[in-house]
Amino acid sequence: GWALAITAMAGIRSKLNENSIPEGLRGVPITLIITGIMALAFIGFSGMVQIQ
């Protein structure tokens, strides 16, 4: 799971156009926003498979 999240983060960051992001959100702030959105997406998967 960790490797998937890191790979997805790298892919998303490589696709971002830094010129279209406001100056105050470049770097760490946009990374934190992306991380939050990814966390919400992964939480959606958390009840799909029951492991006992």
N, C-alpha and C. Protein backbone atom coordinates (compact mmCIF):
# COMPACT_ATOMS: atom_id res chain seq x y z
N GLY A 1 0.80 -1.19 0.00
CA GLY A 1 0.00 0.00 0.00
C GLY A 1 0.84 1.26 0.00
N TRP A 2 1.92 1.22 0.78
CA TRP A 2 2.78 2.40 0.89
C TRP A 2 3.43 2.72 -0.44
N ALA A 3 3.94 1.68 -1.12
CA ALA A 3 4.61 1.89 -2.41
C ALA A 3 3.62 2.42 -3.44
N LEU A 4 2.39 1.94 -3.41
CA LEU A 4 1.36 2.42 -4.34
C LEU A 4 1.08 3.90 -4.10
N ALA A 5 0.97 4.29 -2.85
CA ALA A 5 0.70 5.70 -2.53
C ALA A 5 1.86 6.60 -2.95
N ILE A 6 3.08 6.17 -2.71
CA ILE A 6 4.25 6.97 -3.08
C ILE A 6 4.37 7.08 -4.59
N THR A 7 4.11 5.98 -5.30
CA THR A 7 4.17 6.00 -6.76
C THR A 7 3.08 6.90 -7.33
N ALA A 8 1.88 6.83 -6.76
CA ALA A 8 0.79 7.70 -7.21
C ALA A 8 1.12 9.16 -6.95
N MET A 9 1.70 9.45 -5.80
CA MET A 9 2.08 10.83 -5.47
C MET A 9 3.12 11.35 -6.46
N ALA A 10 4.10 10.53 -6.78
CA ALA A 10 5.14 10.94 -7.73
C ALA A 10 4.53 11.19 -9.11
N GLY A 11 3.60 10.34 -9.51
CA GLY A 11 2.95 10.52 -10.81
C GLY A 11 2.13 11.79 -10.87
N ILE A 12 1.39 12.07 -9.81
CA ILE A 12 0.57 13.27 -9.77
C ILE A 12 1.45 14.52 -9.78
N ARG A 13 2.51 14.50 -8.99
CA ARG A 13 3.39 15.68 -8.93
C ARG A 13 4.10 15.92 -10.25
N SER A 14 4.43 14.83 -10.98
CA SER A 14 5.10 15.01 -12.26
C SER A 14 4.15 15.58 -13.31
N LYS A 15 2.85 15.33 -13.17
CA LYS A 15 1.87 15.84 -14.13
C LYS A 15 1.44 17.28 -13.84
N LEU A 16 1.70 17.76 -12.64
CA LEU A 16 1.30 19.13 -12.29
C LEU A 16 2.11 20.14 -13.07
N ASN A 17 1.43 21.16 -13.53
CA ASN A 17 2.12 22.27 -14.19
C ASN A 17 2.36 23.33 -13.11
N GLU A 18 3.60 23.49 -12.72
CA GLU A 18 3.93 24.41 -11.62
C GLU A 18 3.52 25.85 -11.94
N ASN A 19 3.44 26.21 -13.21
CA ASN A 19 3.08 27.58 -13.56
C ASN A 19 1.61 27.88 -13.29
N SER A 20 0.77 26.85 -13.26
CA SER A 20 -0.66 27.08 -13.04
C SER A 20 -1.03 27.08 -11.56
N ILE A 21 -0.06 26.79 -10.69
CA ILE A 21 -0.30 26.77 -9.25
C ILE A 21 0.09 28.14 -8.68
N PRO A 22 -0.76 28.73 -7.84
CA PRO A 22 -0.40 30.01 -7.23
C PRO A 22 0.91 29.91 -6.43
N GLU A 23 1.61 31.00 -6.35
CA GLU A 23 2.93 31.04 -5.69
C GLU A 23 2.89 30.50 -4.27
N GLY A 24 1.85 30.82 -3.52
CA GLY A 24 1.77 30.39 -2.13
C GLY A 24 1.51 28.90 -1.94
N LEU A 25 1.07 28.22 -3.01
CA LEU A 25 0.77 26.79 -2.89
C LEU A 25 1.83 25.89 -3.51
N ARG A 26 2.87 26.44 -4.05
CA ARG A 26 3.90 25.62 -4.69
C ARG A 26 4.74 24.90 -3.64
N GLY A 27 5.14 23.68 -3.98
CA GLY A 27 6.00 22.91 -3.09
C GLY A 27 5.21 22.11 -2.07
N VAL A 28 5.54 22.33 -0.80
CA VAL A 28 4.95 21.55 0.29
C VAL A 28 3.43 21.75 0.41
N PRO A 29 2.89 22.96 0.31
CA PRO A 29 1.44 23.11 0.47
C PRO A 29 0.62 22.29 -0.53
N ILE A 30 0.99 22.29 -1.80
CA ILE A 30 0.23 21.52 -2.78
C ILE A 30 0.41 20.03 -2.54
N THR A 31 1.57 19.63 -2.04
CA THR A 31 1.79 18.22 -1.71
C THR A 31 0.88 17.78 -0.57
N LEU A 32 0.70 18.63 0.43
CA LEU A 32 -0.20 18.30 1.54
C LEU A 32 -1.65 18.22 1.07
N ILE A 33 -2.04 19.09 0.16
CA ILE A 33 -3.41 19.05 -0.37
C ILE A 33 -3.62 17.76 -1.16
N ILE A 34 -2.66 17.40 -2.00
CA ILE A 34 -2.75 16.16 -2.78
C ILE A 34 -2.80 14.96 -1.85
N THR A 35 -1.99 14.98 -0.79
CA THR A 35 -1.98 13.87 0.17
C THR A 35 -3.34 13.72 0.84
N GLY A 36 -3.97 14.82 1.19
CA GLY A 36 -5.30 14.77 1.80
C GLY A 36 -6.34 14.19 0.86
N ILE A 37 -6.29 14.59 -0.40
CA ILE A 37 -7.24 14.05 -1.38
C ILE A 37 -7.01 12.56 -1.60
N MET A 38 -5.73 12.16 -1.66
CA MET A 38 -5.42 10.73 -1.82
C MET A 38 -5.88 9.94 -0.59
N ALA A 39 -5.74 10.51 0.60
CA ALA A 39 -6.18 9.83 1.82
C ALA A 39 -7.68 9.59 1.78
N LEU A 40 -8.43 10.59 1.33
CA LEU A 40 -9.88 10.42 1.21
C LEU A 40 -10.22 9.32 0.21
N ALA A 41 -9.47 9.24 -0.88
CA ALA A 41 -9.72 8.19 -1.87
C ALA A 41 -9.42 6.81 -1.30
N PHE A 42 -8.32 6.68 -0.55
CA PHE A 42 -7.97 5.38 0.02
C PHE A 42 -8.93 4.97 1.13
N ILE A 43 -9.49 5.93 1.86
CA ILE A 43 -10.47 5.61 2.89
C ILE A 43 -11.72 5.01 2.25
N GLY A 44 -12.02 5.42 1.04
CA GLY A 44 -13.16 4.86 0.33
C GLY A 44 -13.01 3.38 0.05
N PHE A 45 -11.77 2.91 -0.05
CA PHE A 45 -11.53 1.48 -0.30
C PHE A 45 -11.58 0.66 0.97
N SER A 46 -11.56 1.30 2.13
CA SER A 46 -11.42 0.57 3.39
C SER A 46 -12.62 -0.26 3.78
N GLY A 47 -13.49 -0.63 3.38
CA GLY A 47 -14.59 -1.49 3.79
C GLY A 47 -14.96 -2.41 2.68
N MET A 48 -14.24 -2.37 1.58
CA MET A 48 -14.60 -3.21 0.44
C MET A 48 -14.25 -4.68 0.67
N VAL A 49 -13.14 -4.95 1.31
CA VAL A 49 -12.69 -6.32 1.52
C VAL A 49 -12.57 -6.55 3.02
N GLN A 50 -13.21 -7.60 3.50
CA GLN A 50 -13.11 -7.95 4.91
C GLN A 50 -12.02 -9.01 5.09
N ILE A 51 -11.00 -8.69 5.85
CA ILE A 51 -9.92 -9.63 6.14
C ILE A 51 -10.09 -10.09 7.58
N GLN A 52 -10.15 -11.41 7.77
CA GLN A 52 -10.37 -11.91 9.13
C GLN A 52 -9.19 -12.64 9.64
